[in-house]
Amino acid sequence: MSKIIVKQVRSIIRRPSTQKRTMESLGLRKINQEVEHEATPEILGMVNKVKHLVSVTEI
């Protein structure tokens, strides 16, 4: 499996609670915070749900 780095680039203030929970489950709490994940279908689905709040780079 390949790995991806997910970086939060926008705030979650005034976002729906489902998007806030998705960001928290990805491990993102602050702007410019980066986390590394395996590129599984579950993680990619969560990233797709909040794609307007994050940037993704593949390792």
Protein backbone atom coordinates (compact mmCIF):
# COMPACT_ATOMS: atom_id res chain seq x y z
CA MET A 1 0.00 0.00 0.00
CA SER A 2 1.16 3.50 -0.71
CA LYS A 3 1.14 6.22 1.91
CA ILE A 4 -0.31 9.71 1.75
CA ILE A 5 0.29 12.85 3.78
CA VAL A 6 -2.87 14.79 4.60
CA LYS A 7 -2.46 18.45 5.59
CA GLN A 8 -5.23 20.66 6.93
CA VAL A 9 -5.24 23.93 4.99
CA ARG A 10 -8.61 25.46 5.94
CA SER A 11 -10.49 25.91 9.20
CA ILE A 12 -13.35 23.68 10.32
CA ILE A 13 -15.19 26.58 11.93
CA ARG A 14 -18.76 26.88 10.57
CA ARG A 15 -18.62 23.45 8.92
CA PRO A 16 -21.20 20.66 9.36
CA SER A 17 -20.58 18.31 12.28
CA THR A 18 -20.01 15.38 9.91
CA GLN A 19 -17.04 17.18 8.37
CA LYS A 20 -15.70 18.10 11.81
CA ARG A 21 -15.90 14.47 12.92
CA THR A 22 -14.21 13.31 9.72
CA MET A 23 -11.32 15.73 10.27
CA GLU A 24 -10.97 14.54 13.86
CA SER A 25 -10.97 10.90 12.78
CA LEU A 26 -8.20 11.70 10.30
CA GLY A 27 -6.22 13.11 13.23
CA LEU A 28 -6.36 16.76 12.15
CA ARG A 29 -7.11 19.46 14.70
CA LYS A 30 -5.12 22.53 13.66
CA ILE A 31 -4.36 24.33 10.42
CA ASN A 32 -1.05 23.23 8.81
CA GLN A 33 -1.04 20.01 10.82
CA GLU A 34 0.08 17.00 8.79
CA VAL A 35 -0.65 13.32 9.34
CA GLU A 36 0.48 10.24 7.44
CA HIS A 37 -1.95 7.47 6.53
CA GLU A 38 -2.03 4.33 4.41
CA ALA A 39 -3.94 4.91 1.18
CA THR A 40 -6.81 2.54 1.99
CA PRO A 41 -10.27 2.98 0.46
CA GLU A 42 -11.63 4.07 3.86
CA ILE A 43 -9.04 6.83 4.31
CA LEU A 44 -9.39 7.98 0.70
CA GLY A 45 -13.16 8.21 1.17
CA MET A 46 -12.73 10.38 4.27
CA VAL A 47 -10.25 12.60 2.42
CA ASN A 48 -12.67 12.93 -0.48
CA LYS A 49 -15.41 14.05 1.91
CA VAL A 50 -13.29 16.97 3.20
CA LYS A 51 -11.19 17.61 0.07
CA HIS A 52 -11.95 21.35 0.24
CA LEU A 53 -10.30 21.54 3.70
CA VAL A 54 -7.14 19.48 3.12
CA SER A 55 -4.28 18.97 0.71
CA VAL A 56 -2.96 15.50 -0.08
CA THR A 57 0.49 14.43 -1.23
CA GLU A 58 1.48 10.89 -2.09
CA ILE A 59 4.70 9.41 -0.75
